[in-house]
C-alpha cells in the first residue's frame, strides 16, 4: 500500500462526495489528543464502552 501523501489531490478523491460528518471524522481521528484520550478510556473501561462525558467533550455520537 502506498504511503498517504496529504499534499496530493489524489489522496482526497474519496472525500470528493463525502458528507460533512465524514470530513469531521477524518479531522477528529487525526487529532492526537482525541486518539490518546480514547485509547486510555477504552483501556481503563471494564466493558470497553465510550462514556457520555467523552462523547460530549468531543462532540460525537456513535451509531448503534
PDB file of N, CA and C in Angstrom:
ATOM      1  N   UNK A   1       0.846  -1.178   0.000  1.00  0.00           N
ATOM      2  CA  UNK A   1       0.000   0.000   0.000  1.00  0.00           C
ATOM      3  C   UNK A   1       0.890   1.240   0.000  1.00  0.00           C
ATOM      4  N   UNK A   2       0.641   2.186  -0.907  1.00  0.00           N
ATOM      5  CA  UNK A   2       1.475   3.383  -0.957  1.00  0.00           C
ATOM      6  C   UNK A   2       1.243   4.275   0.262  1.00  0.00           C
ATOM      7  N   UNK A   3       2.266   5.012   0.616  1.00  0.00           N
ATOM      8  CA  UNK A   3       2.152   5.923   1.757  1.00  0.00           C
ATOM      9  C   UNK A   3       1.204   7.063   1.409  1.00  0.00           C
ATOM     10  N   UNK A   4       0.415   7.475   2.377  1.00  0.00           N
ATOM     11  CA  UNK A   4      -0.535   8.569   2.179  1.00  0.00           C
ATOM     12  C   UNK A   4       0.219   9.883   2.040  1.00  0.00           C
ATOM     13  N   UNK A   5      -0.079  10.633   0.988  1.00  0.00           N
ATOM     14  CA  UNK A   5       0.532  11.945   0.767  1.00  0.00           C
ATOM     15  C   UNK A   5      -0.554  13.006   0.922  1.00  0.00           C
ATOM     16  N   UNK A   6      -0.564  13.682   2.056  1.00  0.00           N
ATOM     17  CA  UNK A   6      -1.606  14.668   2.340  1.00  0.00           C
ATOM     18  C   UNK A   6      -1.607  15.833   1.363  1.00  0.00           C
ATOM     19  N   UNK A   7      -0.517  16.028   0.637  1.00  0.00           N
ATOM     20  CA  UNK A   7      -0.453  17.134  -0.318  1.00  0.00           C
ATOM     21  C   UNK A   7      -1.017  16.773  -1.687  1.00  0.00           C
ATOM     22  N   UNK A   8      -1.231  15.514  -1.922  1.00  0.00           N
ATOM     23  CA  UNK A   8      -1.691  15.055  -3.232  1.00  0.00           C
ATOM     24  C   UNK A   8      -3.219  15.097  -3.339  1.00  0.00           C
ATOM     25  N   UNK A   9      -3.745  15.760  -4.363  1.00  0.00           N
ATOM     26  CA  UNK A   9      -5.199  15.755  -4.564  1.00  0.00           C
ATOM     27  C   UNK A   9      -5.757  14.336  -4.740  1.00  0.00           C
ATOM     28  N   UNK A  10      -4.950  13.438  -5.259  1.00  0.00           N
ATOM     29  CA  UNK A  10      -5.384  12.047  -5.446  1.00  0.00           C
ATOM     30  C   UNK A  10      -5.729  11.389  -4.110  1.00  0.00           C
ATOM     31  N   UNK A  11      -5.049  11.787  -3.058  1.00  0.00           N
ATOM     32  CA  UNK A  11      -5.284  11.192  -1.740  1.00  0.00           C
ATOM     33  C   UNK A  11      -6.658  11.533  -1.185  1.00  0.00           C
ATOM     34  N   UNK A  12      -7.285  12.558  -1.715  1.00  0.00           N
ATOM     35  CA  UNK A  12      -8.560  13.023  -1.188  1.00  0.00           C
ATOM     36  C   UNK A  12      -9.729  12.771  -2.121  1.00  0.00           C
ATOM     37  N   UNK A  13      -9.511  12.029  -3.184  1.00  0.00           N
ATOM     38  CA  UNK A  13     -10.591  11.754  -4.127  1.00  0.00           C
ATOM     39  C   UNK A  13     -11.782  11.081  -3.451  1.00  0.00           C
ATOM     40  N   UNK A  14     -11.502  10.208  -2.487  1.00  0.00           N
ATOM     41  CA  UNK A  14     -12.594   9.507  -1.816  1.00  0.00           C
ATOM     42  C   UNK A  14     -13.481  10.457  -1.008  1.00  0.00           C
ATOM     43  N   UNK A  15     -12.989  11.637  -0.696  1.00  0.00           N
ATOM     44  CA  UNK A  15     -13.770  12.610   0.073  1.00  0.00           C
ATOM     45  C   UNK A  15     -14.517  13.601  -0.809  1.00  0.00           C
ATOM     46  N   UNK A  16     -14.361  13.468  -2.111  1.00  0.00           N
ATOM     47  CA  UNK A  16     -14.983  14.404  -3.037  1.00  0.00           C
ATOM     48  C   UNK A  16     -16.496  14.477  -2.837  1.00  0.00           C
ATOM     49  N   UNK A  17     -17.122  13.355  -2.618  1.00  0.00           N
ATOM     50  CA  UNK A  17     -18.573  13.311  -2.420  1.00  0.00           C
ATOM     51  C   UNK A  17     -18.945  13.016  -0.969  1.00  0.00           C
ATOM     52  N   UNK A  18     -18.007  13.245  -0.088  1.00  0.00           N
ATOM     53  CA  UNK A  18     -18.226  12.946   1.332  1.00  0.00           C
ATOM     54  C   UNK A  18     -19.218  13.923   1.953  1.00  0.00           C
ATOM     55  N   UNK A  19     -19.888  13.417   2.972  1.00  0.00           N
ATOM     56  CA  UNK A  19     -20.789  14.272   3.739  1.00  0.00           C
ATOM     57  C   UNK A  19     -19.993  14.981   4.824  1.00  0.00           C
ATOM     58  N   UNK A  20     -20.583  15.980   5.413  1.00  0.00           N
ATOM     59  CA  UNK A  20     -19.925  16.767   6.452  1.00  0.00           C
ATOM     60  C   UNK A  20     -19.436  15.885   7.593  1.00  0.00           C
ATOM     61  N   UNK A  21     -20.232  14.911   7.992  1.00  0.00           N
ATOM     62  CA  UNK A  21     -19.843  14.042   9.103  1.00  0.00           C
ATOM     63  C   UNK A  21     -18.625  13.193   8.750  1.00  0.00           C
ATOM     64  N   UNK A  22     -18.491  12.799   7.492  1.00  0.00           N
ATOM     65  CA  UNK A  22     -17.321  12.033   7.056  1.00  0.00           C
ATOM     66  C   UNK A  22     -16.049  12.864   7.179  1.00  0.00           C
ATOM     67  N   UNK A  23     -16.141  14.118   6.775  1.00  0.00           N
ATOM     68  CA  UNK A  23     -14.983  15.010   6.845  1.00  0.00           C
ATOM     69  C   UNK A  23     -14.647  15.320   8.306  1.00  0.00           C
ATOM     70  N   UNK A  24     -15.682  15.519   9.115  1.00  0.00           N
ATOM     71  CA  UNK A  24     -15.451  15.775  10.541  1.00  0.00           C
ATOM     72  C   UNK A  24     -14.736  14.590  11.188  1.00  0.00           C
ATOM     73  N   UNK A  25     -15.142  13.369  10.835  1.00  0.00           N
ATOM     74  CA  UNK A  25     -14.495  12.186  11.388  1.00  0.00           C
ATOM     75  C   UNK A  25     -13.037  12.121  10.945  1.00  0.00           C
ATOM     76  N   UNK A  26     -12.751  12.439   9.698  1.00  0.00           N
ATOM     77  CA  UNK A  26     -11.363  12.435   9.217  1.00  0.00           C
ATOM     78  C   UNK A  26     -10.504  13.381  10.057  1.00  0.00           C
ATOM     79  N   UNK A  27     -11.038  14.544  10.369  1.00  0.00           N
ATOM     80  CA  UNK A  27     -10.288  15.513  11.186  1.00  0.00           C
ATOM     81  C   UNK A  27     -10.113  15.002  12.616  1.00  0.00           C
ATOM     82  N   UNK A  28     -11.187  14.490  13.204  1.00  0.00           N
ATOM     83  CA  UNK A  28     -11.120  14.033  14.591  1.00  0.00           C
ATOM     84  C   UNK A  28     -10.183  12.850  14.760  1.00  0.00           C
ATOM     85  N   UNK A  29     -10.242  11.893  13.864  1.00  0.00           N
ATOM     86  CA  UNK A  29      -9.420  10.697  14.028  1.00  0.00           C
ATOM     87  C   UNK A  29      -7.929  10.993  13.899  1.00  0.00           C
ATOM     88  N   UNK A  30      -7.594  12.132  13.317  1.00  0.00           N
ATOM     89  CA  UNK A  30      -6.186  12.525  13.189  1.00  0.00           C
ATOM     90  C   UNK A  30      -5.705  13.367  14.374  1.00  0.00           C
ATOM     91  N   UNK A  31      -6.621  13.718  15.268  1.00  0.00           N
ATOM     92  CA  UNK A  31      -6.298  14.536  16.424  1.00  0.00           C
ATOM     93  C   UNK A  31      -5.614  13.668  17.482  1.00  0.00           C
ATOM     94  N   UNK A  32      -4.355  13.971  17.756  1.00  0.00           N
ATOM     95  CA  UNK A  32      -3.569  13.160  18.698  1.00  0.00           C
ATOM     96  C   UNK A  32      -4.184  13.148  20.097  1.00  0.00           C
ATOM     97  N   UNK A  33      -4.707  14.272  20.556  1.00  0.00           N
ATOM     98  CA  UNK A  33      -5.328  14.321  21.887  1.00  0.00           C
ATOM     99  C   UNK A  33      -6.545  13.395  21.953  1.00  0.00           C
ATOM    100  N   UNK A  34      -7.371  13.430  20.904  1.00  0.00           N
ATOM    101  CA  UNK A  34      -8.535  12.539  20.852  1.00  0.00           C
ATOM    102  C   UNK A  34      -8.093  11.081  20.887  1.00  0.00           C
ATOM    103  N   UNK A  35      -7.131  10.719  20.058  1.00  0.00           N
ATOM    104  CA  UNK A  35      -6.676   9.325  19.991  1.00  0.00           C
ATOM    105  C   UNK A  35      -6.141   8.843  21.326  1.00  0.00           C
ATOM    106  N   UNK A  36      -5.314   9.667  21.976  1.00  0.00           N
ATOM    107  CA  UNK A  36      -4.732   9.271  23.269  1.00  0.00           C
ATOM    108  C   UNK A  36      -5.814   9.126  24.335  1.00  0.00           C
ATOM    109  N   UNK A  37      -6.738  10.068  24.365  1.00  0.00           N
ATOM    110  CA  UNK A  37      -7.801  10.002  25.366  1.00  0.00           C
ATOM    111  C   UNK A  37      -8.712   8.795  25.117  1.00  0.00           C
ATOM    112  N   UNK A  38      -9.008   8.520  23.865  1.00  0.00           N
ATOM    113  CA  UNK A  38      -9.855   7.365  23.541  1.00  0.00           C
ATOM    114  C   UNK A  38      -9.163   6.066  23.937  1.00  0.00           C
ATOM    115  N   UNK A  39      -7.910   5.931  23.596  1.00  0.00           N
ATOM    116  CA  UNK A  39      -7.163   4.718  23.943  1.00  0.00           C
ATOM    117  C   UNK A  39      -7.111   4.512  25.454  1.00  0.00           C
ATOM    118  N   UNK A  40      -6.854   5.587  26.203  1.00  0.00           N
ATOM    119  CA  UNK A  40      -6.788   5.493  27.663  1.00  0.00           C
ATOM    120  C   UNK A  40      -8.144   5.126  28.253  1.00  0.00           C
ATOM    121  N   UNK A  41      -9.208   5.722  27.733  1.00  0.00           N
ATOM    122  CA  UNK A  41     -10.544   5.445  28.244  1.00  0.00           C
ATOM    123  C   UNK A  41     -10.913   3.980  28.000  1.00  0.00           C
ATOM    124  N   UNK A  42     -10.677   3.483  26.808  1.00  0.00           N
ATOM    125  CA  UNK A  42     -11.006   2.091  26.481  1.00  0.00           C
ATOM    126  C   UNK A  42     -10.171   1.128  27.334  1.00  0.00           C
ATOM    127  N   UNK A  43      -8.902   1.452  27.516  1.00  0.00           N
ATOM    128  CA  UNK A  43      -8.020   0.590  28.314  1.00  0.00           C
ATOM    129  C   UNK A  43      -8.475   0.517  29.769  1.00  0.00           C
ATOM    130  N   UNK A  44      -9.073   1.594  30.277  1.00  0.00           N
ATOM    131  CA  UNK A  44      -9.491   1.643  31.673  1.00  0.00           C
ATOM    132  C   UNK A  44     -10.962   1.311  31.880  1.00  0.00           C
ATOM    133  N   UNK A  45     -11.664   0.997  30.815  1.00  0.00           N
ATOM    134  CA  UNK A  45     -13.087   0.689  30.911  1.00  0.00           C
ATOM    135  C   UNK A  45     -13.285  -0.819  30.998  1.00  0.00           C
ATOM    136  N   UNK A  46     -13.975  -1.293  32.039  1.00  0.00           N
ATOM    137  CA  UNK A  46     -14.168  -2.739  32.179  1.00  0.00           C
ATOM    138  C   UNK A  46     -14.976  -3.349  31.028  1.00  0.00           C
ATOM    139  N   UNK A  47     -15.890  -2.574  30.446  1.00  0.00           N
ATOM    140  CA  UNK A  47     -16.723  -3.108  29.360  1.00  0.00           C
ATOM    141  C   UNK A  47     -16.350  -2.553  27.990  1.00  0.00           C
ATOM    142  N   UNK A  48     -15.320  -1.709  27.931  1.00  0.00           N
ATOM    143  CA  UNK A  48     -14.874  -1.153  26.652  1.00  0.00           C
ATOM    144  C   UNK A  48     -15.819  -0.131  26.058  1.00  0.00           C
ATOM    145  N   UNK A  49     -16.712   0.400  26.879  1.00  0.00           N
ATOM    146  CA  UNK A  49     -17.695   1.364  26.403  1.00  0.00           C
ATOM    147  C   UNK A  49     -17.152   2.792  26.430  1.00  0.00           C
ATOM    148  N   UNK A  50     -17.621   3.594  25.515  1.00  0.00           N
ATOM    149  CA  UNK A  50     -17.286   5.015  25.463  1.00  0.00           C
ATOM    150  C   UNK A  50     -18.252   5.744  26.382  1.00  0.00           C
ATOM    151  N   UNK A  51     -17.735   6.629  27.207  1.00  0.00           N
ATOM    152  CA  UNK A  51     -18.581   7.321  28.177  1.00  0.00           C
ATOM    153  C   UNK A  51     -19.328   8.492  27.540  1.00  0.00           C
ATOM    154  N   UNK A  52     -20.420   8.864  28.175  1.00  0.00           N
ATOM    155  CA  UNK A  52     -21.196  10.025  27.739  1.00  0.00           C
ATOM    156  C   UNK A  52     -20.355  11.300  27.841  1.00  0.00           C
ATOM    157  N   UNK A  53     -19.560  11.389  28.895  1.00  0.00           N
ATOM    158  CA  UNK A  53     -18.677  12.552  29.076  1.00  0.00           C
ATOM    159  C   UNK A  53     -17.712  12.691  27.895  1.00  0.00           C
ATOM    160  N   UNK A  54     -17.151  11.572  27.468  1.00  0.00           N
ATOM    161  CA  UNK A  54     -16.237  11.577  26.324  1.00  0.00           C
ATOM    162  C   UNK A  54     -16.967  12.042  25.068  1.00  0.00           C
ATOM    163  N   UNK A  55     -18.156  11.511  24.848  1.00  0.00           N
ATOM    164  CA  UNK A  55     -18.948  11.905  23.675  1.00  0.00           C
ATOM    165  C   UNK A  55     -19.227  13.394  23.669  1.00  0.00           C
ATOM    166  N   UNK A  56     -19.642  13.917  24.828  1.00  0.00           N
ATOM    167  CA  UNK A  56     -19.942  15.346  24.919  1.00  0.00           C
ATOM    168  C   UNK A  56     -18.693  16.193  24.693  1.00  0.00           C
ATOM    169  N   UNK A  57     -17.593  15.788  25.302  1.00  0.00           N
ATOM    170  CA  UNK A  57     -16.352  16.556  25.178  1.00  0.00           C
ATOM    171  C   UNK A  57     -15.921  16.697  23.719  1.00  0.00           C
ATOM    172  N   UNK A  58     -16.018  15.596  22.965  1.00  0.00           N
ATOM    173  CA  UNK A  58     -15.549  15.601  21.579  1.00  0.00           C
ATOM    174  C   UNK A  58     -16.661  15.885  20.573  1.00  0.00           C
ATOM    175  N   UNK A  59     -17.889  16.055  21.051  1.00  0.00           N
ATOM    176  CA  UNK A  59     -18.998  16.397  20.156  1.00  0.00           C
ATOM    177  C   UNK A  59     -19.347  15.294  19.179  1.00  0.00           C
ATOM    178  N   UNK A  60     -19.326  14.069  19.658  1.00  0.00           N
ATOM    179  CA  UNK A  60     -19.596  12.936  18.768  1.00  0.00           C
ATOM    180  C   UNK A  60     -20.695  12.040  19.307  1.00  0.00           C
ATOM    181  N   UNK A  61     -21.284  11.279  18.437  1.00  0.00           N
ATOM    182  CA  UNK A  61     -22.200  10.225  18.848  1.00  0.00           C
ATOM    183  C   UNK A  61     -21.855   8.997  18.019  1.00  0.00           C
ATOM    184  N   UNK A  62     -22.187   7.851  18.539  1.00  0.00           N
ATOM    185  CA  UNK A  62     -21.835   6.602  17.885  1.00  0.00           C
ATOM    186  C   UNK A  62     -23.096   5.921  17.380  1.00  0.00           C
ATOM    187  N   UNK A  63     -23.009   5.393  16.189  1.00  0.00           N
ATOM    188  CA  UNK A  63     -24.132   4.647  15.630  1.00  0.00           C
ATOM    189  C   UNK A  63     -24.307   3.352  16.406  1.00  0.00           C
ATOM    190  N   UNK A  64     -25.525   3.014  16.666  1.00  0.00           N
ATOM    191  CA  UNK A  64     -25.829   1.769  17.367  1.00  0.00           C
ATOM    192  C   UNK A  64     -26.296   0.720  16.396  1.00  0.00           C
TER     193      UNK A  64
END
